[in-house]
Amino acid sequence: MHIDLPHATFERAEHDAVVAALRAKLLTLGAGGMSKQISPAAFEEHVASAWDATGSAVGGTPVEGWLRERYWAARSYDLAYADAQVHLRKWGAQVAGNSFVPNFGARASAALNASLAMFDVGVADCSVSSEAMLSQRRSRLQKALQADVQELFSKQHRLLTLTTLNHFKAQLLKVVSRSGVPQQWQQDSLRRSAEKQFDAALSALLVPSLGGPTRQQLNTAFGQQLTEQTSKYLESPPMQLQAMNAMRRRTGKAQKPPRGMRVGLGVVGPPRE
């Protein structure tokens, strides 16, 4: 079995993770077939001794090539991440101002791909022996950038949901103020318009490489919100009052007496004998 053990000084976190995984693996094997059983507490000490013995054989310090390639990896990571942040910070300011980033999905995908390509170019001269380390660094870069993009997408998705629902309610209010309780065909028409508006904007926001809910799933969730909000909105006291006022206006106009006719009551005395 071959295991790459990262350097305890230059890659402490990776070193500790490999040691912990190796210790857990060996402890499951038991003492059978082994010349000596090592206690969990002493395991890391034995690993350190093995590393020291190996290091002594090669001079005790990593070779220049090993250090150089890790420097290239770290520098490439920083440059690629900084390049993406130029776009992400600008988009973040737009979203913070309750604005949408035009064509966000395509632009975010392009920024992600460009940053990963920049990392790949920066480490192109690394040796095959560094493949595992480079794969880990690249994966870490990708996850960090995807997390930033996901945050921007989530904020814009919430903003899109809110603005579309508010527009739908405003249109529903116009119908209620004009005609009273809206007919089902009127509700269906407004609903179709809202769903179409939401889907068109959503298609420009989605970043396929992020994974997560699909376009269809997000549209379905929005449709459920529309159903819930429509019921609550129409049953709310302000909307009920608007509907009653609209009905009174319509009823009052229908019962208005013809022009020129006046109807009134007068008080007269009893007839005299």
C-alpha atoms as a PDB file:
ATOM      1  CA  MET A   1       0.000   0.000   0.000  1.00  0.00           C
ATOM      2  CA  HIS A   2       1.390   3.425  -1.035  1.00  0.00           C
ATOM      3  CA  ILE A   3       0.315   6.599   0.789  1.00  0.00           C
ATOM      4  CA  ASP A   4       1.586  10.112   0.117  1.00  0.00           C
ATOM      5  CA  LEU A   5       2.292  11.709   3.501  1.00  0.00           C
ATOM      6  CA  PRO A   6       2.371  15.532   3.282  1.00  0.00           C
ATOM      7  CA  HIS A   7       5.151  17.402   5.031  1.00  0.00           C
ATOM      8  CA  ALA A   8       4.410  18.008   8.730  1.00  0.00           C
ATOM      9  CA  THR A   9       5.787  21.566   8.623  1.00  0.00           C
ATOM     10  CA  PHE A  10       4.750  22.910   5.241  1.00  0.00           C
ATOM     11  CA  GLU A  11       1.407  21.092   4.972  1.00  0.00           C
ATOM     12  CA  ARG A  12       0.405  20.526   8.586  1.00  0.00           C
ATOM     13  CA  ALA A  13      -3.353  20.253   8.026  1.00  0.00           C
ATOM     14  CA  GLU A  14      -2.974  17.742   5.187  1.00  0.00           C
ATOM     15  CA  HIS A  15      -0.378  15.800   7.202  1.00  0.00           C
ATOM     16  CA  ASP A  16      -2.676  15.500  10.226  1.00  0.00           C
ATOM     17  CA  ALA A  17      -5.590  14.378   8.063  1.00  0.00           C
ATOM     18  CA  VAL A  18      -3.567  11.602   6.411  1.00  0.00           C
ATOM     19  CA  VAL A  19      -2.171  10.444   9.762  1.00  0.00           C
ATOM     20  CA  ALA A  20      -5.660  10.289  11.280  1.00  0.00           C
ATOM     21  CA  ALA A  21      -7.032   8.328   8.320  1.00  0.00           C
ATOM     22  CA  LEU A  22      -4.103   5.905   8.331  1.00  0.00           C
ATOM     23  CA  ARG A  23      -4.380   5.360  12.070  1.00  0.00           C
ATOM     24  CA  ALA A  24      -8.099   4.615  11.810  1.00  0.00           C
ATOM     25  CA  LYS A  25      -7.438   2.173   8.977  1.00  0.00           C
ATOM     26  CA  LEU A  26      -4.706   0.276  10.803  1.00  0.00           C
ATOM     27  CA  LEU A  27      -6.650   0.056  14.054  1.00  0.00           C
ATOM     28  CA  THR A  28      -9.373  -1.898  12.270  1.00  0.00           C
ATOM     29  CA  LEU A  29      -6.872  -4.551  11.275  1.00  0.00           C
ATOM     30  CA  GLY A  30      -6.173  -5.690  14.843  1.00  0.00           C
ATOM     31  CA  ALA A  31      -2.948  -7.283  15.973  1.00  0.00           C
ATOM     32  CA  GLY A  32      -3.251 -10.454  13.903  1.00  0.00           C
ATOM     33  CA  GLY A  33      -0.366 -10.836  11.487  1.00  0.00           C
ATOM     34  CA  MET A  34       1.425  -7.744  12.786  1.00  0.00           C
ATOM     35  CA  SER A  35       4.765  -7.994  14.539  1.00  0.00           C
ATOM     36  CA  LYS A  36       3.780  -5.382  17.110  1.00  0.00           C
ATOM     37  CA  GLN A  37       0.526  -3.711  18.101  1.00  0.00           C
ATOM     38  CA  ILE A  38       0.734   0.091  18.331  1.00  0.00           C
ATOM     39  CA  SER A  39      -1.575   1.971  20.664  1.00  0.00           C
ATOM     40  CA  PRO A  40      -3.593   4.895  19.237  1.00  0.00           C
ATOM     41  CA  ALA A  41      -1.804   7.373  21.503  1.00  0.00           C
ATOM     42  CA  ALA A  42       1.619   6.310  20.238  1.00  0.00           C
ATOM     43  CA  PHE A  43       0.691   6.021  16.581  1.00  0.00           C
ATOM     44  CA  GLU A  44       1.477   9.599  15.570  1.00  0.00           C
ATOM     45  CA  GLU A  45       4.802   9.388  17.389  1.00  0.00           C
ATOM     46  CA  HIS A  46       5.730   6.326  15.323  1.00  0.00           C
ATOM     47  CA  VAL A  47       4.701   8.101  12.120  1.00  0.00           C
ATOM     48  CA  ALA A  48       6.846  11.091  13.071  1.00  0.00           C
ATOM     49  CA  SER A  49       9.781   8.766  13.744  1.00  0.00           C
ATOM     50  CA  ALA A  50       9.329   7.136  10.364  1.00  0.00           C
ATOM     51  CA  TRP A  51       9.206  10.547   8.706  1.00  0.00           C
ATOM     52  CA  ASP A  52      12.339  11.703  10.527  1.00  0.00           C
ATOM     53  CA  ALA A  53      14.172   8.571   9.505  1.00  0.00           C
ATOM     54  CA  THR A  54      13.152   9.050   5.888  1.00  0.00           C
ATOM     55  CA  GLY A  55      14.008  12.742   6.009  1.00  0.00           C
ATOM     56  CA  SER A  56      17.460  11.977   7.365  1.00  0.00           C
ATOM     57  CA  ALA A  57      18.105   9.717   4.418  1.00  0.00           C
ATOM     58  CA  VAL A  58      17.380  12.543   1.942  1.00  0.00           C
ATOM     59  CA  GLY A  59      18.917  15.373   3.915  1.00  0.00           C
ATOM     60  CA  GLY A  60      16.071  16.153   6.343  1.00  0.00           C
ATOM     61  CA  THR A  61      14.365  18.860   4.246  1.00  0.00           C
ATOM     62  CA  PRO A  62      12.172  18.727   1.138  1.00  0.00           C
ATOM     63  CA  VAL A  63      13.987  19.005  -2.165  1.00  0.00           C
ATOM     64  CA  GLU A  64      13.885  22.276  -4.091  1.00  0.00           C
ATOM     65  CA  GLY A  65      11.504  20.924  -6.721  1.00  0.00           C
ATOM     66  CA  TRP A  66       9.000  19.862  -4.072  1.00  0.00           C
ATOM     67  CA  LEU A  67       8.956  23.345  -2.531  1.00  0.00           C
ATOM     68  CA  ARG A  68       8.869  25.078  -5.902  1.00  0.00           C
ATOM     69  CA  GLU A  69       5.800  23.175  -7.092  1.00  0.00           C
ATOM     70  CA  ARG A  70       3.898  23.904  -3.902  1.00  0.00           C
ATOM     71  CA  TYR A  71       4.769  27.559  -4.303  1.00  0.00           C
ATOM     72  CA  TRP A  72       3.419  27.487  -7.850  1.00  0.00           C
ATOM     73  CA  ALA A  73       0.223  25.836  -6.619  1.00  0.00           C
ATOM     74  CA  ALA A  74      -0.295  28.389  -3.830  1.00  0.00           C
ATOM     75  CA  ARG A  75       0.456  31.340  -6.109  1.00  0.00           C
ATOM     76  CA  SER A  76      -1.812  30.031  -8.871  1.00  0.00           C
ATOM     77  CA  TYR A  77      -4.621  29.525  -6.367  1.00  0.00           C
ATOM     78  CA  ASP A  78      -4.319  33.096  -5.064  1.00  0.00           C
ATOM     79  CA  LEU A  79      -4.132  34.660  -8.535  1.00  0.00           C
ATOM     80  CA  ALA A  80      -7.087  32.674  -9.857  1.00  0.00           C
ATOM     81  CA  TYR A  81      -9.226  33.455  -6.818  1.00  0.00           C
ATOM     82  CA  ALA A  82      -8.346  37.163  -6.989  1.00  0.00           C
ATOM     83  CA  ASP A  83      -9.215  37.266 -10.689  1.00  0.00           C
ATOM     84  CA  ALA A  84     -12.704  35.899  -9.998  1.00  0.00           C
ATOM     85  CA  GLN A  85     -13.223  38.279  -7.088  1.00  0.00           C
ATOM     86  CA  VAL A  86     -12.909  41.270  -9.433  1.00  0.00           C
ATOM     87  CA  HIS A  87     -16.208  40.208 -10.996  1.00  0.00           C
ATOM     88  CA  LEU A  88     -17.832  38.846  -7.852  1.00  0.00           C
ATOM     89  CA  ARG A  89     -17.287  42.019  -5.825  1.00  0.00           C
ATOM     90  CA  LYS A  90     -18.817  44.172  -8.551  1.00  0.00           C
ATOM     91  CA  TRP A  91     -21.807  41.861  -8.848  1.00  0.00           C
ATOM     92  CA  GLY A  92     -22.151  41.745  -5.080  1.00  0.00           C
ATOM     93  CA  ALA A  93     -22.511  45.532  -4.974  1.00  0.00           C
ATOM     94  CA  GLN A  94     -25.284  45.378  -7.580  1.00  0.00           C
ATOM     95  CA  VAL A  95     -27.154  42.680  -5.695  1.00  0.00           C
ATOM     96  CA  ALA A  96     -26.745  44.549  -2.396  1.00  0.00           C
ATOM     97  CA  GLY A  97     -28.521  47.473  -4.067  1.00  0.00           C
ATOM     98  CA  ASN A  98     -31.498  45.204  -4.897  1.00  0.00           C
ATOM     99  CA  SER A  99     -30.545  45.014  -8.567  1.00  0.00           C
ATOM    100  CA  PHE A 100     -30.120  41.994 -10.799  1.00  0.00           C
ATOM    101  CA  VAL A 101     -26.872  41.191 -12.598  1.00  0.00           C
ATOM    102  CA  PRO A 102     -27.759  41.044 -16.317  1.00  0.00           C
ATOM    103  CA  ASN A 103     -27.202  37.571 -17.782  1.00  0.00           C
ATOM    104  CA  PHE A 104     -25.763  36.430 -14.455  1.00  0.00           C
ATOM    105  CA  GLY A 105     -25.752  32.702 -15.219  1.00  0.00           C
ATOM    106  CA  ALA A 106     -23.600  32.894 -18.343  1.00  0.00           C
ATOM    107  CA  ARG A 107     -21.261  35.531 -16.914  1.00  0.00           C
ATOM    108  CA  ALA A 108     -20.727  33.636 -13.650  1.00  0.00           C
ATOM    109  CA  SER A 109     -20.034  30.396 -15.532  1.00  0.00           C
ATOM    110  CA  ALA A 110     -17.480  32.175 -17.712  1.00  0.00           C
ATOM    111  CA  ALA A 111     -15.763  33.686 -14.660  1.00  0.00           C
ATOM    112  CA  LEU A 112     -15.558  30.291 -12.927  1.00  0.00           C
ATOM    113  CA  ASN A 113     -14.123  28.571 -15.992  1.00  0.00           C
ATOM    114  CA  ALA A 114     -11.614  31.371 -16.588  1.00  0.00           C
ATOM    115  CA  SER A 115     -10.327  31.192 -13.003  1.00  0.00           C
ATOM    116  CA  LEU A 116      -9.906  27.416 -13.100  1.00  0.00           C
ATOM    117  CA  ALA A 117      -8.136  27.709 -16.451  1.00  0.00           C
ATOM    118  CA  MET A 118      -5.810  30.331 -14.952  1.00  0.00           C
ATOM    119  CA  PHE A 119      -4.945  27.915 -12.133  1.00  0.00           C
ATOM    120  CA  ASP A 120      -4.261  25.114 -14.621  1.00  0.00           C
ATOM    121  CA  VAL A 121      -1.899  27.317 -16.628  1.00  0.00           C
ATOM    122  CA  GLY A 122      -0.053  28.335 -13.477  1.00  0.00           C
ATOM    123  CA  VAL A 123       0.709  24.737 -12.492  1.00  0.00           C
ATOM    124  CA  ALA A 124       1.222  23.327 -15.978  1.00  0.00           C
ATOM    125  CA  ASP A 125       4.944  22.730 -15.362  1.00  0.00           C
ATOM    126  CA  CYS A 126       4.447  20.720 -12.159  1.00  0.00           C
ATOM    127  CA  SER A 127       5.536  17.086 -12.161  1.00  0.00           C
ATOM    128  CA  VAL A 128       3.282  14.050 -12.146  1.00  0.00           C
ATOM    129  CA  SER A 129       4.217  13.366  -8.520  1.00  0.00           C
ATOM    130  CA  SER A 130       2.306  16.532  -7.520  1.00  0.00           C
ATOM    131  CA  GLU A 131      -0.898  15.462  -9.242  1.00  0.00           C
ATOM    132  CA  ALA A 132      -2.774  14.620  -6.030  1.00  0.00           C
ATOM    133  CA  MET A 133      -1.763  17.891  -4.378  1.00  0.00           C
ATOM    134  CA  LEU A 134      -2.770  19.926  -7.441  1.00  0.00           C
ATOM    135  CA  SER A 135      -6.107  18.157  -7.704  1.00  0.00           C
ATOM    136  CA  GLN A 136      -6.814  18.988  -4.071  1.00  0.00           C
ATOM    137  CA  ARG A 137      -5.886  22.660  -4.538  1.00  0.00           C
ATOM    138  CA  ARG A 138      -7.984  22.949  -7.696  1.00  0.00           C
ATOM    139  CA  SER A 139     -10.974  21.349  -6.005  1.00  0.00           C
ATOM    140  CA  ARG A 140     -10.603  23.734  -3.072  1.00  0.00           C
ATOM    141  CA  LEU A 141     -10.503  26.712  -5.460  1.00  0.00           C
ATOM    142  CA  GLN A 142     -13.565  25.500  -7.328  1.00  0.00           C
ATOM    143  CA  LYS A 143     -15.580  24.996  -4.139  1.00  0.00           C
ATOM    144  CA  ALA A 144     -14.622  28.434  -2.789  1.00  0.00           C
ATOM    145  CA  LEU A 145     -15.663  30.197  -5.995  1.00  0.00           C
ATOM    146  CA  GLN A 146     -18.855  28.176  -6.321  1.00  0.00           C
ATOM    147  CA  ALA A 147     -19.807  29.127  -2.766  1.00  0.00           C
ATOM    148  CA  ASP A 148     -19.423  32.824  -3.625  1.00  0.00           C
ATOM    149  CA  VAL A 149     -21.438  32.452  -6.828  1.00  0.00           C
ATOM    150  CA  GLN A 150     -24.109  30.423  -5.022  1.00  0.00           C
ATOM    151  CA  GLU A 151     -24.553  33.218  -2.491  1.00  0.00           C
ATOM    152  CA  LEU A 152     -25.114  35.765  -5.261  1.00  0.00           C
ATOM    153  CA  PHE A 153     -27.542  33.442  -7.026  1.00  0.00           C
ATOM    154  CA  SER A 154     -29.539  32.797  -3.842  1.00  0.00           C
ATOM    155  CA  LYS A 155     -29.881  36.514  -3.127  1.00  0.00           C
ATOM    156  CA  GLN A 156     -31.060  37.242  -6.658  1.00  0.00           C
ATOM    157  CA  HIS A 157     -33.458  34.299  -6.582  1.00  0.00           C
ATOM    158  CA  ARG A 158     -35.046  35.657  -3.393  1.00  0.00           C
ATOM    159  CA  LEU A 159     -35.239  39.125  -4.944  1.00  0.00           C
ATOM    160  CA  LEU A 160     -36.843  37.714  -8.093  1.00  0.00           C
ATOM    161  CA  THR A 161     -39.408  35.792  -6.067  1.00  0.00           C
ATOM    162  CA  LEU A 162     -40.294  38.851  -3.990  1.00  0.00           C
ATOM    163  CA  THR A 163     -40.566  41.296  -6.895  1.00  0.00           C
ATOM    164  CA  THR A 164     -42.642  38.903  -9.002  1.00  0.00           C
ATOM    165  CA  LEU A 165     -45.028  38.194  -6.121  1.00  0.00           C
ATOM    166  CA  ASN A 166     -45.388  41.915  -5.392  1.00  0.00           C
ATOM    167  CA  HIS A 167     -46.155  42.642  -9.050  1.00  0.00           C
ATOM    168  CA  PHE A 168     -48.710  39.825  -9.070  1.00  0.00           C
ATOM    169  CA  LYS A 169     -50.391  41.230  -5.956  1.00  0.00           C
ATOM    170  CA  ALA A 170     -50.471  44.724  -7.453  1.00  0.00           C
ATOM    171  CA  GLN A 171     -52.223  43.406 -10.573  1.00  0.00           C
ATOM    172  CA  LEU A 172     -54.641  41.427  -8.429  1.00  0.00           C
ATOM    173  CA  LEU A 173     -55.420  44.554  -6.406  1.00  0.00           C
ATOM    174  CA  LYS A 174     -56.307  46.458  -9.584  1.00  0.00           C
ATOM    175  CA  VAL A 175     -58.824  43.786 -10.531  1.00  0.00           C
ATOM    176  CA  VAL A 176     -60.359  43.744  -7.046  1.00  0.00           C
ATOM    177  CA  SER A 177     -60.556  47.545  -6.869  1.00  0.00           C
ATOM    178  CA  ARG A 178     -62.258  47.680 -10.240  1.00  0.00           C
ATOM    179  CA  SER A 179     -64.548  44.661 -10.197  1.00  0.00           C
ATOM    180  CA  GLY A 180     -64.658  43.213  -6.690  1.00  0.00           C
ATOM    181  CA  VAL A 181     -63.789  39.571  -6.099  1.00  0.00           C
ATOM    182  CA  PRO A 182     -61.860  38.419  -9.214  1.00  0.00           C
ATOM    183  CA  GLN A 183     -63.231  35.624 -11.338  1.00  0.00           C
ATOM    184  CA  GLN A 184     -61.215  32.423 -11.675  1.00  0.00           C
ATOM    185  CA  TRP A 185     -60.273  33.193 -15.274  1.00  0.00           C
ATOM    186  CA  GLN A 186     -58.859  36.534 -14.141  1.00  0.00           C
ATOM    187  CA  GLN A 187     -56.758  34.851 -11.443  1.00  0.00           C
ATOM    188  CA  ASP A 188     -55.513  32.246 -13.931  1.00  0.00           C
ATOM    189  CA  SER A 189     -54.507  34.925 -16.429  1.00  0.00           C
ATOM    190  CA  LEU A 190     -52.541  36.882 -13.824  1.00  0.00           C
ATOM    191  CA  ARG A 191     -50.931  33.681 -12.569  1.00  0.00           C
ATOM    192  CA  ARG A 192     -49.751  32.644 -16.042  1.00  0.00           C
ATOM    193  CA  SER A 193     -48.255  36.085 -16.568  1.00  0.00           C
ATOM    194  CA  ALA A 194     -46.381  35.922 -13.233  1.00  0.00           C
ATOM    195  CA  GLU A 195     -45.058  32.414 -13.902  1.00  0.00           C
ATOM    196  CA  LYS A 196     -43.862  33.425 -17.362  1.00  0.00           C
ATOM    197  CA  GLN A 197     -42.120  36.503 -15.960  1.00  0.00           C
ATOM    198  CA  PHE A 198     -40.446  34.446 -13.215  1.00  0.00           C
ATOM    199  CA  ASP A 199     -39.239  31.706 -15.560  1.00  0.00           C
ATOM    200  CA  ALA A 200     -37.756  34.159 -18.067  1.00  0.00           C
ATOM    201  CA  ALA A 201     -35.722  35.911 -15.372  1.00  0.00           C
ATOM    202  CA  LEU A 202     -34.756  32.621 -13.708  1.00  0.00           C
ATOM    203  CA  SER A 203     -33.302  31.218 -16.931  1.00  0.00           C
ATOM    204  CA  ALA A 204     -30.837  34.126 -17.023  1.00  0.00           C
ATOM    205  CA  LEU A 205     -29.830  33.574 -13.376  1.00  0.00           C
ATOM    206  CA  LEU A 206     -29.129  29.841 -13.333  1.00  0.00           C
ATOM    207  CA  VAL A 207     -25.514  28.642 -13.211  1.00  0.00           C
ATOM    208  CA  PRO A 208     -25.547  24.967 -14.329  1.00  0.00           C
ATOM    209  CA  SER A 209     -22.201  24.076 -12.731  1.00  0.00           C
ATOM    210  CA  LEU A 210     -23.529  24.896  -9.245  1.00  0.00           C
ATOM    211  CA  GLY A 211     -25.920  21.968  -9.217  1.00  0.00           C
ATOM    212  CA  GLY A 212     -28.779  22.302  -6.749  1.00  0.00           C
ATOM    213  CA  PRO A 213     -32.479  22.602  -7.671  1.00  0.00           C
ATOM    214  CA  THR A 214     -33.280  22.523 -11.378  1.00  0.00           C
ATOM    215  CA  ARG A 215     -35.151  25.191 -13.318  1.00  0.00           C
ATOM    216  CA  GLN A 216     -38.290  23.058 -13.252  1.00  0.00           C
ATOM    217  CA  GLN A 217     -38.053  22.502  -9.493  1.00  0.00           C
ATOM    218  CA  LEU A 218     -37.633  26.229  -8.814  1.00  0.00           C
ATOM    219  CA  ASN A 219     -40.585  27.042 -11.061  1.00  0.00           C
ATOM    220  CA  THR A 220     -42.710  24.463  -9.274  1.00  0.00           C
ATOM    221  CA  ALA A 221     -41.784  25.947  -5.902  1.00  0.00           C
ATOM    222  CA  PHE A 222     -42.691  29.420  -7.141  1.00  0.00           C
ATOM    223  CA  GLY A 223     -46.042  28.141  -8.395  1.00  0.00           C
ATOM    224  CA  GLN A 224     -46.797  26.792  -4.929  1.00  0.00           C
ATOM    225  CA  GLN A 225     -45.957  30.175  -3.421  1.00  0.00           C
ATOM    226  CA  LEU A 226     -48.310  31.856  -5.886  1.00  0.00           C
ATOM    227  CA  THR A 227     -51.144  29.570  -4.830  1.00  0.00           C
ATOM    228  CA  GLU A 228     -50.555  30.219  -1.127  1.00  0.00           C
ATOM    229  CA  GLN A 229     -50.117  33.974  -1.542  1.00  0.00           C
ATOM    230  CA  THR A 230     -53.212  34.341  -3.729  1.00  0.00           C
ATOM    231  CA  SER A 231     -55.421  32.659  -1.152  1.00  0.00           C
ATOM    232  CA  LYS A 232     -53.987  34.667   1.762  1.00  0.00           C
ATOM    233  CA  TYR A 233     -54.088  37.948  -0.137  1.00  0.00           C
ATOM    234  CA  LEU A 234     -57.695  37.648  -1.276  1.00  0.00           C
ATOM    235  CA  GLU A 235     -58.802  36.665   2.226  1.00  0.00           C
ATOM    236  CA  SER A 236     -56.941  39.501   3.947  1.00  0.00           C
ATOM    237  CA  PRO A 237     -59.073  42.296   5.528  1.00  0.00           C
ATOM    238  CA  PRO A 238     -57.732  45.061   3.218  1.00  0.00           C
ATOM    239  CA  MET A 239     -58.615  43.068   0.109  1.00  0.00           C
ATOM    240  CA  GLN A 240     -62.024  42.157   1.502  1.00  0.00           C
ATOM    241  CA  LEU A 241     -62.674  45.854   2.094  1.00  0.00           C
ATOM    242  CA  GLN A 242     -61.552  46.729  -1.430  1.00  0.00           C
ATOM    243  CA  ALA A 243     -63.908  44.105  -2.844  1.00  0.00           C
ATOM    244  CA  MET A 244     -66.834  45.420  -0.756  1.00  0.00           C
ATOM    245  CA  ASN A 245     -66.183  49.014  -1.861  1.00  0.00           C
ATOM    246  CA  ALA A 246     -66.037  47.938  -5.493  1.00  0.00           C
ATOM    247  CA  MET A 247     -69.338  46.088  -5.158  1.00  0.00           C
ATOM    248  CA  ARG A 248     -70.951  49.094  -3.478  1.00  0.00           C
ATOM    249  CA  ARG A 249     -69.839  51.385  -6.275  1.00  0.00           C
ATOM    250  CA  ARG A 250     -71.206  49.040  -8.880  1.00  0.00           C
ATOM    251  CA  THR A 251     -74.486  48.556  -6.977  1.00  0.00           C
ATOM    252  CA  GLY A 252     -74.832  52.284  -6.356  1.00  0.00           C
ATOM    253  CA  LYS A 253     -74.463  53.082 -10.022  1.00  0.00           C
ATOM    254  CA  ALA A 254     -77.044  50.479 -10.939  1.00  0.00           C
ATOM    255  CA  GLN A 255     -79.633  51.881  -8.504  1.00  0.00           C
ATOM    256  CA  LYS A 256     -79.050  55.557  -9.262  1.00  0.00           C
ATOM    257  CA  PRO A 257     -82.428  57.191 -10.058  1.00  0.00           C
ATOM    258  CA  PRO A 258     -83.068  58.645 -13.531  1.00  0.00           C
ATOM    259  CA  ARG A 259     -82.019  62.244 -14.150  1.00  0.00           C
ATOM    260  CA  GLY A 260     -84.720  64.758 -13.187  1.00  0.00           C
ATOM    261  CA  MET A 261     -86.489  62.524 -10.729  1.00  0.00           C
ATOM    262  CA  ARG A 262     -86.245  63.417  -7.057  1.00  0.00           C
ATOM    263  CA  VAL A 263     -87.487  61.214  -4.282  1.00  0.00           C
ATOM    264  CA  GLY A 264     -87.904  62.567  -0.746  1.00  0.00           C
ATOM    265  CA  LEU A 265     -89.938  62.487   2.415  1.00  0.00           C
ATOM    266  CA  GLY A 266     -91.975  65.309   3.934  1.00  0.00           C
ATOM    267  CA  VAL A 267     -93.752  65.840   7.242  1.00  0.00           C
ATOM    268  CA  VAL A 268     -97.384  67.014   7.033  1.00  0.00           C
ATOM    269  CA  GLY A 269     -99.994  67.710   9.691  1.00  0.00           C
ATOM    270  CA  PRO A 270    -103.165  65.645  10.261  1.00  0.00           C
ATOM    271  CA  PRO A 271    -106.104  66.399   7.975  1.00  0.00           C
ATOM    272  CA  ARG A 272    -108.530  68.952   9.342  1.00  0.00           C
ATOM    273  CA  GLU A 273    -112.203  68.180   9.744  1.00  0.00           C
END
